[in-house]
Amino acid sequence: MKRLDFYKGVDISSLPEVLAGGMYIRDFDGTYIKPFELLKKYGVNAVRLRIWHTPSNEPHSGGYCDLEHTIEMAKQVKAYGMRLMLDFHYSDFWADPAKQNKPKAWAGLSGAMLEEAVYSYTKTVLEKMRSQGVLPDMVQIGNEIRSGLLFPDGELPNYAGMVRLVNAGIRGARAAAGPGETEVMIHLDQGGRFFYLKDWFENAFANGLEDFDLIGLSYYPFWHGTFRDLKNTLERLLQEYHKPLMIVETAHAWRIGEHGFIDRVQERIAGVPATPEGQYRVLELTEQIMASLPNGQGLGIYYWEPLSIPREGHGGWGENMGLLNQDGQVMEGIRAFLFERKNADGYPLEERIAQTEQNIVGGREDAAAASEGGQKGENLLKDAKLEAGLSQWEVNLSDPAVVAQIYPEFVDPFPAPPSNALRVESPKNFTFCMSQRVTVPASGIYRLSAEFKGTDTTGVDVRLFAEGDVRREAAVHPVEHAWVRYEIGDISCQDGELEVGVRITAPPMYGLVRRLCLVRQD
């Protein structure tokens, strides 16, 4: 089947569940409108659906995203004349960089038996969809598989094991449908970080990754680099691998979230306000970047779960990441799907990218804060400058593959002494903790601060913590292009001891920490 000129897609896999929960949708004029009618009216021409193996094995799934629900949704997609992408998670529930759990039915399988299960399942699903007249136009072999899939068998850095499983999925898809019917996609996160993607593809090809048709990426501007990073990464991927590209997951908030996505730091990381207008800008700018790629090789974008509505007392995605407000009324972001490739040249792309960079975290305000080097007063931490090889810190690593080493950063005027940071990274999912128990000179109120830098994505959880009378934590959102200071104030300590430190739970990423400082506040 001939490709569309530009895919303006949405992932609405949760739609049956939210409709069953009583969701309704209003158009701009306040009138009620059916979901697919809304999408069609404002230019959406493609839908992505995820499929879980046996979601009934996971109580929180509600049984949705199984084959039966997927076929029923696919029939609606086809009825409205839209293209269909199927996202194989190869799991009973969520699969992403932080977790790639085997389906319960495959728990005891490994080696050739697991490969056969992947092949047969992929082939059978597509054959059943064909029999119902809803064969997908595109399929993803796994969801955000930068850290692998079907753990532990396909967990990286075991590229050989991972590639055998991915190849089994590719062969299953090819056996069910020819390239002219269904195209095969590899989907990774980190859409704005070429170095992660090149490392994955180089190792995968070296281990025999079979040919596929497209590269799909996740790009969330509060996680995966700047818009300039995105543009540069897409251009380099085309030069290296000569495969058409899609952003198959993107989104931005229409307000700051209190119980999920996104907070004020992430708003500044994205460089675009968390407003309905900001949401529209993110979508249109991402579309424009894709359309700017040479030879039409930027195929389009998909918004992840736009038909979400806030629910009283609930946080998460629906609180602020969908395209519907608290009254179920559609917002400005939906108009981004009216974008046309032929009109892309009329937008000042470089000017728009530069405008986001003026607002991004790491500007003058953050640089000034970082240069202060912490709080005024005596720093109560031992080896706060990380000059003693971490001998004063208790360090716990989940795996020998985790690397934690001192990283000296030289600053002008050279040869000034370096500013030491601790760099932590891992080629696989990991946990890391560095902590220090401090005897404070007197009961009182204290403040802990530290500076961070690094990469972020789904499943990254970085925390600065302090435990005195109670445990306190500050969520950290690492960014690559700037040191950003985080702090915990008003730490009460009455018994003379505080435990402080940094904890990371994450898929493959890197993080740096420096200038840890604990001072008396009162």
Protein backbone atom coordinates (compact mmCIF):
# COMPACT_ATOMS: atom_id res chain seq x y z
CA MET A 1 0.00 0.00 0.00
CA LYS A 2 1.31 3.44 -0.92
CA ARG A 3 2.37 5.55 2.04
CA LEU A 4 0.59 8.74 2.97
CA ASP A 5 2.36 11.97 2.14
CA PHE A 6 2.45 12.88 5.85
CA TYR A 7 1.14 10.86 8.79
CA LYS A 8 -0.78 12.89 11.35
CA GLY A 9 -1.47 10.14 13.81
CA VAL A 10 -2.65 9.41 17.32
CA ASP A 11 -2.25 6.49 19.68
CA ILE A 12 -5.71 6.04 21.18
CA SER A 13 -5.27 2.52 22.57
CA SER A 14 -6.99 3.49 25.83
CA LEU A 15 -10.11 4.82 24.12
CA PRO A 16 -12.37 1.78 24.83
CA GLU A 17 -11.46 1.94 28.52
CA VAL A 18 -12.03 5.67 28.95
CA LEU A 19 -15.31 5.52 27.02
CA ALA A 20 -16.47 2.71 29.30
CA GLY A 21 -15.61 5.01 32.21
CA GLY A 22 -18.06 7.64 30.94
CA MET A 23 -15.81 9.99 28.97
CA TYR A 24 -17.49 12.44 26.60
CA ILE A 25 -15.98 14.88 24.12
CA ARG A 26 -17.08 18.38 23.14
CA ASP A 27 -16.01 20.30 20.06
CA PHE A 28 -14.85 23.93 20.29
CA ASP A 29 -18.43 25.17 20.13
CA GLY A 30 -19.43 22.95 23.07
CA THR A 31 -21.40 20.38 21.08
CA TYR A 32 -20.87 16.68 21.76
CA ILE A 33 -18.88 14.80 19.11
CA LYS A 34 -17.81 11.17 18.66
CA PRO A 35 -14.07 10.49 19.07
CA PHE A 36 -13.36 9.37 15.51
CA GLU A 37 -15.48 12.17 14.07
CA LEU A 38 -13.42 14.69 16.04
CA LEU A 39 -10.14 13.20 14.86
CA LYS A 40 -11.23 13.05 11.22
CA LYS A 41 -12.58 16.62 11.32
CA TYR A 42 -9.23 18.06 12.42
CA GLY A 43 -6.96 16.17 10.04
CA VAL A 44 -5.92 12.96 11.83
CA ASN A 45 -5.25 10.31 9.17
CA ALA A 46 -3.57 7.48 11.10
CA VAL A 47 -4.04 5.56 14.35
CA ARG A 48 -1.61 3.49 16.38
CA LEU A 49 -2.86 0.71 18.65
CA ARG A 50 -0.86 -1.31 21.16
CA ILE A 51 -1.49 -4.99 21.71
CA TRP A 52 -0.74 -6.88 24.91
CA HIS A 53 -0.43 -10.66 24.88
CA THR A 54 -2.85 -11.63 27.68
CA PRO A 55 -3.74 -8.46 29.60
CA SER A 56 -6.25 -10.37 31.73
CA ASN A 57 -3.18 -11.66 33.60
CA GLU A 58 -2.64 -8.12 34.89
CA PRO A 59 -5.54 -6.78 37.01
CA HIS A 60 -4.67 -3.13 36.33
CA SER A 61 -5.07 -3.62 32.57
CA GLY A 62 -8.83 -4.14 32.79
CA GLY A 63 -8.39 -6.74 30.06
CA TYR A 64 -8.03 -4.02 27.41
CA CYS A 65 -5.55 -4.00 24.51
CA ASP A 66 -6.03 -7.71 23.87
CA LEU A 67 -6.60 -9.04 20.36
CA GLU A 68 -10.39 -8.80 20.57
CA HIS A 69 -10.42 -5.13 21.65
CA THR A 70 -7.71 -4.34 19.12
CA ILE A 71 -9.68 -5.81 16.21
CA GLU A 72 -12.80 -3.87 17.21
CA MET A 73 -10.83 -0.63 17.38
CA ALA A 74 -9.08 -1.44 14.10
CA LYS A 75 -12.46 -1.79 12.37
CA GLN A 76 -13.32 1.77 13.41
CA VAL A 77 -9.96 3.03 12.18
CA LYS A 78 -10.52 1.45 8.78
CA ALA A 79 -14.14 2.62 8.63
CA TYR A 80 -12.96 6.23 8.94
CA GLY A 81 -10.40 5.75 6.17
CA MET A 82 -7.35 6.04 8.43
CA ARG A 83 -4.08 4.11 8.32
CA LEU A 84 -3.40 1.58 11.07
CA MET A 85 -0.18 0.90 12.97
CA LEU A 86 0.03 -2.05 15.40
CA ASP A 87 2.45 -1.85 18.32
CA PHE A 88 3.47 -5.29 19.61
CA HIS A 89 4.51 -4.96 23.25
CA TYR A 90 5.30 -8.69 23.66
CA SER A 91 4.11 -8.42 27.24
CA ASP A 92 0.87 -8.79 29.20
CA PHE A 93 1.08 -5.13 30.24
CA TRP A 94 3.27 -2.06 29.68
CA ALA A 95 6.63 -2.47 27.96
CA ASP A 96 9.04 0.48 27.82
CA PRO A 97 12.76 1.14 28.47
CA ALA A 98 12.33 0.50 32.21
CA LYS A 99 10.45 -2.82 31.91
CA GLN A 100 10.11 -5.47 29.25
CA ASN A 101 8.41 -8.35 31.02
CA LYS A 102 7.62 -11.64 29.30
CA PRO A 103 3.98 -12.60 28.94
CA LYS A 104 2.96 -15.09 31.62
CA ALA A 105 2.36 -17.68 28.90
CA TRP A 106 6.04 -17.48 27.93
CA ALA A 107 7.53 -17.36 31.42
CA GLY A 108 9.16 -20.77 31.12
CA LEU A 109 10.43 -20.34 27.57
CA SER A 110 13.92 -19.40 26.45
CA GLY A 111 16.22 -19.86 23.49
CA ALA A 112 14.69 -21.38 20.36
CA MET A 113 11.36 -22.02 22.10
CA LEU A 114 10.96 -18.32 22.96
CA GLU A 115 11.94 -17.28 19.43
CA GLU A 116 9.32 -19.66 18.02
CA ALA A 117 6.70 -18.19 20.38
CA VAL A 118 7.50 -14.65 19.16
CA TYR A 119 7.35 -15.75 15.53
CA SER A 120 4.12 -17.71 15.84
CA TYR A 121 2.34 -15.09 17.96
CA THR A 122 3.25 -12.24 15.58
CA LYS A 123 2.17 -14.25 12.55
CA THR A 124 -1.07 -15.48 14.15
CA VAL A 125 -2.16 -12.00 15.31
CA LEU A 126 -1.66 -10.52 11.85
CA GLU A 127 -3.38 -13.43 10.13
CA LYS A 128 -6.40 -13.03 12.40
CA MET A 129 -6.49 -9.31 11.72
CA ARG A 130 -6.27 -9.98 7.97
CA SER A 131 -9.22 -12.38 8.24
CA GLN A 132 -11.24 -9.53 9.80
CA GLY A 133 -10.25 -7.08 7.09
CA VAL A 134 -8.04 -4.98 9.36
CA LEU A 135 -4.48 -5.94 8.45
CA PRO A 136 -2.22 -3.14 9.80
CA ASP A 137 -0.31 -0.95 7.37
CA MET A 138 2.66 -0.91 9.76
CA VAL A 139 3.79 -3.00 12.73
CA GLN A 140 6.29 -2.31 15.49
CA ILE A 141 8.39 -5.25 16.62
CA GLY A 142 8.45 -4.25 20.29
CA ASN A 143 7.84 -0.98 22.07
CA GLU A 144 10.75 1.35 22.92
CA ILE A 145 13.25 -1.53 22.85
CA ARG A 146 16.44 0.49 23.38
CA SER A 147 17.09 -1.57 26.54
CA GLY A 148 15.96 -4.79 24.83
CA LEU A 149 12.77 -6.85 25.11
CA LEU A 150 11.47 -9.99 26.79
CA PHE A 151 13.77 -9.74 29.81
CA PRO A 152 16.02 -11.42 30.77
CA ASP A 153 16.56 -13.26 27.47
CA GLY A 154 16.61 -10.14 25.31
CA GLU A 155 17.94 -7.67 27.88
CA LEU A 156 20.87 -5.55 26.77
CA PRO A 157 23.82 -5.59 26.62
CA ASN A 158 23.02 -9.11 25.31
CA TYR A 159 22.56 -7.89 21.75
CA ALA A 160 22.81 -11.38 20.27
CA GLY A 161 19.90 -12.60 22.39
CA MET A 162 17.83 -9.49 21.70
CA VAL A 163 18.41 -9.60 17.94
CA ARG A 164 17.31 -13.22 17.70
CA LEU A 165 13.98 -12.28 19.31
CA VAL A 166 13.49 -9.16 17.17
CA ASN A 167 14.31 -11.16 14.05
CA ALA A 168 11.71 -13.75 15.05
CA GLY A 169 9.12 -10.98 15.20
CA ILE A 170 10.21 -9.58 11.84
CA ARG A 171 9.97 -13.03 10.24
CA GLY A 172 6.52 -13.54 11.76
CA ALA A 173 5.33 -10.24 10.29
CA ARG A 174 6.83 -11.02 6.87
CA ALA A 175 5.21 -14.47 6.87
CA ALA A 176 1.77 -12.94 7.47
CA ALA A 177 2.01 -10.00 5.08
CA GLY A 178 4.33 -8.88 2.33
CA PRO A 179 6.28 -5.57 2.39
CA GLY A 180 3.73 -4.05 0.01
CA GLU A 181 0.98 -4.78 2.56
CA THR A 182 2.53 -4.23 5.99
CA GLU A 183 5.76 -2.39 6.74
CA VAL A 184 7.97 -3.35 9.69
CA MET A 185 9.27 -0.75 12.15
CA ILE A 186 11.92 -0.71 14.87
CA HIS A 187 10.88 1.64 17.70
CA LEU A 188 13.32 3.22 20.17
CA ASP A 189 13.06 6.06 22.67
CA GLN A 190 15.54 9.00 22.90
CA GLY A 191 14.49 10.72 19.68
CA GLY A 192 16.83 13.64 20.33
CA ARG A 193 19.98 11.70 21.25
CA PHE A 194 21.81 10.28 18.27
CA PHE A 195 24.58 8.68 20.32
CA TYR A 196 22.14 6.29 22.03
CA LEU A 197 20.45 5.37 18.75
CA LYS A 198 23.69 4.86 16.80
CA ASP A 199 25.05 2.62 19.55
CA TRP A 200 21.88 0.49 19.43
CA PHE A 201 21.74 0.11 15.67
CA GLU A 202 25.47 -0.50 15.24
CA ASN A 203 25.40 -3.31 17.81
CA ALA A 204 22.12 -4.73 16.51
CA PHE A 205 23.35 -4.84 12.90
CA ALA A 206 26.65 -6.37 14.02
CA ASN A 207 24.61 -9.17 15.61
CA GLY A 208 22.55 -9.87 12.51
CA LEU A 209 19.45 -7.66 12.75
CA GLU A 210 17.28 -8.47 9.74
CA ASP A 211 16.13 -5.84 7.31
CA PHE A 212 13.17 -3.67 8.27
CA ASP A 213 11.36 -0.78 6.64
CA LEU A 214 11.16 2.20 9.01
CA ILE A 215 12.64 3.68 12.18
CA GLY A 216 10.13 4.89 14.77
CA LEU A 217 11.16 7.13 17.65
CA SER A 218 9.68 8.50 20.84
CA TYR A 219 10.33 12.19 21.34
CA TYR A 220 9.02 14.02 24.38
CA PRO A 221 10.74 17.42 24.68
CA PHE A 222 10.79 17.25 28.48
CA TRP A 223 12.73 13.94 28.34
CA HIS A 224 14.56 13.39 25.06
CA GLY A 225 16.63 16.48 24.27
CA THR A 226 15.93 19.84 22.66
CA PHE A 227 14.16 20.44 19.36
CA ARG A 228 17.56 21.16 17.83
CA ASP A 229 18.79 17.83 19.19
CA LEU A 230 15.78 16.20 17.52
CA LYS A 231 16.46 17.80 14.15
CA ASN A 232 20.16 16.92 14.22
CA THR A 233 19.44 13.35 15.31
CA LEU A 234 16.91 12.77 12.54
CA GLU A 235 19.27 14.13 9.90
CA ARG A 236 22.14 11.92 11.10
CA LEU A 237 19.95 8.82 11.26
CA LEU A 238 18.98 9.34 7.62
CA GLN A 239 22.63 9.73 6.63
CA GLU A 240 23.67 6.59 8.49
CA TYR A 241 20.81 4.15 7.86
CA HIS A 242 18.78 5.46 4.91
CA LYS A 243 15.46 4.47 6.50
CA PRO A 244 12.31 6.64 6.58
CA LEU A 245 11.62 8.10 10.02
CA MET A 246 8.54 8.65 12.16
CA ILE A 247 7.91 10.11 15.59
CA VAL A 248 5.48 7.49 16.88
CA GLU A 249 5.14 9.00 20.36
CA THR A 250 5.13 12.65 21.34
CA ALA A 251 3.11 14.92 23.63
CA HIS A 252 3.21 18.05 25.75
CA ALA A 253 1.21 19.28 28.74
CA TRP A 254 -1.53 21.92 28.63
CA ARG A 255 -0.99 22.74 32.31
CA ILE A 256 1.43 21.89 35.10
CA GLY A 257 0.65 18.53 36.71
CA GLU A 258 0.61 17.94 40.44
CA HIS A 259 0.50 14.13 40.44
CA GLY A 260 2.27 12.96 37.30
CA PHE A 261 3.43 14.83 34.18
CA ILE A 262 4.92 17.52 33.93
CA ASP A 263 6.26 19.82 36.64
CA ARG A 264 7.73 23.32 36.29
CA VAL A 265 11.30 22.10 35.82
CA GLN A 266 10.20 19.82 32.97
CA GLU A 267 8.28 22.72 31.44
CA ARG A 268 11.53 24.67 31.29
CA ILE A 269 13.42 21.64 29.99
CA ALA A 270 10.99 21.50 27.06
CA GLY A 271 11.39 25.23 26.44
CA VAL A 272 7.66 25.62 25.75
CA PRO A 273 4.99 26.67 28.27
CA ALA A 274 2.61 24.04 29.62
CA THR A 275 -0.48 25.75 28.15
CA PRO A 276 -2.97 24.82 25.42
CA GLU A 277 -1.09 27.14 23.08
CA GLY A 278 2.23 25.61 24.12
CA GLN A 279 0.87 22.14 23.44
CA TYR A 280 -0.09 23.25 19.93
CA ARG A 281 3.38 24.74 19.38
CA VAL A 282 5.14 21.50 20.37
CA LEU A 283 3.05 19.46 17.96
CA GLU A 284 3.39 21.83 15.03
CA LEU A 285 7.12 22.32 15.56
CA THR A 286 7.69 18.57 15.71
CA GLU A 287 5.68 18.16 12.50
CA GLN A 288 7.68 20.89 10.81
CA ILE A 289 11.00 19.32 11.81
CA MET A 290 9.85 15.99 10.37
CA ALA A 291 8.63 17.65 7.16
CA SER A 292 11.99 19.46 6.75
CA LEU A 293 13.92 16.20 6.28
CA PRO A 294 15.21 15.63 2.73
CA ASN A 295 13.37 13.60 0.10
CA GLY A 296 10.21 13.31 2.15
CA GLN A 297 11.90 10.84 4.52
CA GLY A 298 10.30 12.37 7.61
CA LEU A 299 6.96 10.59 7.40
CA GLY A 300 5.03 12.20 10.27
CA ILE A 301 4.13 12.04 13.95
CA TYR A 302 1.76 10.29 16.38
CA TYR A 303 0.45 11.92 19.54
CA TRP A 304 0.34 9.50 22.46
CA GLU A 305 -3.12 9.22 24.09
CA PRO A 306 -4.62 12.61 23.18
CA LEU A 307 -8.16 11.55 24.14
CA SER A 308 -7.52 11.69 27.87
CA ILE A 309 -9.54 13.74 30.32
CA PRO A 310 -8.72 14.75 33.91
CA ARG A 311 -10.60 12.82 36.59
CA GLU A 312 -11.23 14.26 40.03
CA GLY A 313 -8.70 12.89 42.51
CA HIS A 314 -6.58 11.18 39.84
CA GLY A 315 -3.20 12.18 38.46
CA GLY A 316 -1.22 10.59 35.66
CA TRP A 317 -1.44 11.26 31.95
CA GLY A 318 -5.07 12.35 31.87
CA GLU A 319 -4.42 15.17 34.34
CA ASN A 320 -2.75 17.40 31.77
CA MET A 321 -1.26 15.57 28.77
CA GLY A 322 -4.29 14.92 26.55
CA LEU A 323 -5.97 17.32 24.13
CA LEU A 324 -9.15 17.57 26.22
CA ASN A 325 -9.66 19.89 29.18
CA GLN A 326 -11.41 19.07 32.45
CA ASP A 327 -14.80 19.62 30.77
CA GLY A 328 -14.05 17.19 27.96
CA GLN A 329 -13.72 20.04 25.49
CA VAL A 330 -11.08 19.83 22.78
CA MET A 331 -8.24 22.34 22.94
CA GLU A 332 -6.03 24.17 20.47
CA GLY A 333 -3.56 21.29 20.08
CA ILE A 334 -5.99 19.35 17.88
CA ARG A 335 -5.57 21.98 15.15
CA ALA A 336 -1.93 20.91 14.70
CA PHE A 337 -3.22 17.90 12.76
CA LEU A 338 -4.38 20.24 10.01
CA PHE A 339 -0.67 20.61 9.13
CA GLU A 340 0.29 19.87 5.50
CA ARG A 341 3.80 19.04 4.29
CA LYS A 342 3.38 21.37 1.29
CA ASN A 343 3.00 24.33 3.65
CA ALA A 344 6.02 23.51 5.85
CA ASP A 345 8.42 25.85 4.04
CA GLY A 346 6.30 28.82 5.05
CA TYR A 347 7.29 28.44 8.71
CA PRO A 348 10.53 29.98 10.06
CA LEU A 349 11.93 26.71 11.45
CA GLU A 350 15.26 27.98 12.79
CA GLU A 351 13.54 30.94 14.42
CA ARG A 352 11.04 28.67 16.14
CA ILE A 353 13.72 26.30 17.42
CA ALA A 354 15.79 29.24 18.70
CA GLN A 355 12.74 30.60 20.50
CA THR A 356 12.38 27.39 22.51
CA GLU A 357 16.07 27.53 23.41
CA GLN A 358 15.66 30.97 24.98
CA ASN A 359 13.30 29.51 27.56
CA ILE A 360 15.02 26.21 28.17
CA VAL A 361 16.45 25.15 31.51
CA GLY A 362 20.15 25.91 31.74
CA GLY A 363 19.86 29.59 30.90
CA ARG A 364 21.45 32.42 32.84
CA GLU A 365 19.37 31.88 35.95
CA ASP A 366 20.47 28.24 36.27
CA ALA A 367 24.10 29.01 35.45
CA ALA A 368 24.14 31.63 38.19
CA ALA A 369 22.68 29.21 40.69
CA ALA A 370 25.17 26.53 39.70
CA SER A 371 28.13 28.87 40.06
CA GLU A 372 27.25 29.52 43.68
CA GLY A 373 28.36 25.99 44.52
CA GLY A 374 25.69 25.38 47.13
CA GLN A 375 24.52 27.13 50.27
CA LYS A 376 26.36 29.57 52.48
CA GLY A 377 27.76 28.16 55.72
CA GLU A 378 29.92 25.19 56.69
CA ASN A 379 29.39 22.15 54.50
CA LEU A 380 28.89 19.23 56.89
CA LEU A 381 29.51 16.53 54.28
CA LYS A 382 32.81 14.67 54.14
CA ASP A 383 34.48 14.60 50.72
CA ALA A 384 31.84 16.90 49.28
CA LYS A 385 34.22 17.71 46.39
CA LEU A 386 34.62 14.00 45.56
CA GLU A 387 38.41 14.07 45.86
CA ALA A 388 38.86 10.91 47.94
CA GLY A 389 37.61 8.28 45.54
CA LEU A 390 34.19 8.02 47.26
CA SER A 391 35.86 6.60 50.37
CA GLN A 392 33.57 8.73 52.56
CA TRP A 393 30.41 7.60 50.77
CA GLU A 394 28.49 4.37 50.92
CA VAL A 395 27.86 3.28 47.34
CA ASN A 396 25.47 0.53 46.26
CA LEU A 397 25.24 -0.74 42.67
CA SER A 398 22.68 -3.24 41.39
CA ASP A 399 25.06 -4.87 38.91
CA PRO A 400 28.80 -4.97 38.08
CA ALA A 401 27.92 -3.41 34.71
CA VAL A 402 27.05 -0.13 36.46
CA VAL A 403 29.95 2.32 36.25
CA ALA A 404 30.40 5.03 38.88
CA GLN A 405 33.56 7.08 38.45
CA ILE A 406 34.94 10.51 39.18
CA TYR A 407 34.62 12.83 36.21
CA PRO A 408 36.83 15.95 36.40
CA GLU A 409 35.48 18.94 34.50
CA PHE A 410 38.00 21.66 33.71
CA VAL A 411 36.76 25.22 33.60
CA ASP A 412 38.33 28.51 32.60
CA PRO A 413 40.74 29.93 33.37
CA PHE A 414 42.88 26.92 32.49
CA PRO A 415 44.70 25.33 34.27
CA ALA A 416 42.35 25.92 37.19
CA PRO A 417 41.72 22.85 39.37
CA PRO A 418 38.92 20.66 37.99
CA SER A 419 35.43 20.56 39.43
CA ASN A 420 34.82 16.90 40.23
CA ALA A 421 31.54 15.17 39.48
CA LEU A 422 30.48 11.57 39.86
CA ARG A 423 29.35 10.05 36.55
CA VAL A 424 27.01 7.05 36.79
CA GLU A 425 25.97 5.05 33.74
CA SER A 426 24.92 1.57 32.77
CA PRO A 427 24.28 -0.41 29.57
CA LYS A 428 21.29 -2.09 31.24
CA ASN A 429 18.49 -1.25 33.67
CA PHE A 430 20.01 -0.49 37.05
CA THR A 431 19.84 1.04 40.50
CA PHE A 432 22.50 3.16 42.18
CA CYS A 433 22.71 4.85 45.54
CA MET A 434 25.36 6.98 47.21
CA SER A 435 24.75 8.08 50.77
CA GLN A 436 26.47 9.48 53.83
CA ARG A 437 25.42 9.49 57.47
CA VAL A 438 26.27 12.81 59.06
CA THR A 439 26.51 13.68 62.76
CA VAL A 440 25.27 17.24 62.95
CA PRO A 441 26.70 19.62 65.58
CA ALA A 442 23.30 20.59 66.98
CA SER A 443 19.62 19.89 66.61
CA GLY A 444 17.98 22.22 64.11
CA ILE A 445 16.91 22.78 60.52
CA TYR A 446 19.21 21.90 57.61
CA ARG A 447 19.36 22.24 53.82
CA LEU A 448 20.78 19.75 51.30
CA SER A 449 21.69 20.72 47.72
CA ALA A 450 23.44 19.18 44.72
CA GLU A 451 23.90 19.84 41.01
CA PHE A 452 22.86 17.34 38.36
CA LYS A 453 23.34 16.73 34.67
CA GLY A 454 22.51 13.80 32.37
CA THR A 455 19.84 12.12 30.26
CA ASP A 456 16.22 11.28 30.98
CA THR A 457 13.47 9.07 29.56
CA THR A 458 10.54 6.87 30.54
CA GLY A 459 11.32 5.03 33.75
CA VAL A 460 14.19 7.25 34.94
CA ASP A 461 13.79 8.06 38.64
CA VAL A 462 16.52 10.22 40.19
CA ARG A 463 16.10 11.42 43.77
CA LEU A 464 18.04 13.66 46.11
CA PHE A 465 17.11 12.51 49.61
CA ALA A 466 17.61 13.42 53.26
CA GLU A 467 16.39 11.55 56.30
CA GLY A 468 16.26 13.26 59.66
CA ASP A 469 13.11 13.24 61.78
CA VAL A 470 11.30 12.28 58.55
CA ARG A 471 12.49 11.25 55.08
CA ARG A 472 12.43 13.99 52.43
CA GLU A 473 13.05 13.62 48.69
CA ALA A 474 13.35 15.89 45.65
CA ALA A 475 12.70 14.50 42.17
CA VAL A 476 15.52 15.32 39.75
CA HIS A 477 15.09 15.70 35.98
CA PRO A 478 18.55 15.45 34.41
CA VAL A 479 19.34 17.53 31.31
CA GLU A 480 22.40 17.24 29.10
CA HIS A 481 23.23 20.83 28.29
CA ALA A 482 23.39 22.40 31.74
CA TRP A 483 24.09 21.80 35.39
CA VAL A 484 20.92 22.36 37.41
CA ARG A 485 20.84 22.71 41.18
CA TYR A 486 18.25 20.90 43.28
CA GLU A 487 17.75 21.27 47.00
CA ILE A 488 15.77 20.05 49.98
CA GLY A 489 15.18 22.66 52.65
CA ASP A 490 13.61 22.65 56.10
CA ILE A 491 15.13 19.30 57.05
CA SER A 492 14.42 18.85 60.74
CA CYS A 493 16.98 16.92 62.77
CA GLN A 494 16.54 16.54 66.53
CA ASP A 495 18.49 13.33 67.26
CA GLY A 496 21.90 14.50 65.96
CA GLU A 497 22.13 12.40 62.76
CA LEU A 498 21.12 12.87 59.13
CA GLU A 499 21.40 10.44 56.24
CA VAL A 500 21.65 12.13 52.84
CA GLY A 501 22.40 11.04 49.32
CA VAL A 502 21.34 10.36 45.74
CA ARG A 503 19.36 7.39 44.41
CA ILE A 504 18.85 6.40 40.75
CA THR A 505 16.55 3.73 39.34
CA ALA A 506 16.63 3.77 35.54
CA PRO A 507 16.98 2.11 32.16
CA PRO A 508 20.27 2.76 30.32
CA MET A 509 21.19 6.42 30.86
CA TYR A 510 23.96 8.51 32.32
CA GLY A 511 23.86 10.97 35.19
CA LEU A 512 26.36 13.27 36.87
CA VAL A 513 26.20 14.76 40.33
CA ARG A 514 28.51 17.34 41.95
CA ARG A 515 28.72 20.03 44.64
CA LEU A 516 26.77 18.15 47.27
CA CYS A 517 26.27 20.46 50.21
CA LEU A 518 24.62 20.11 53.62
CA VAL A 519 24.40 23.26 55.75
CA ARG A 520 22.53 24.43 58.79
CA GLN A 521 19.57 26.52 57.65
CA ASP A 522 18.26 28.15 60.82
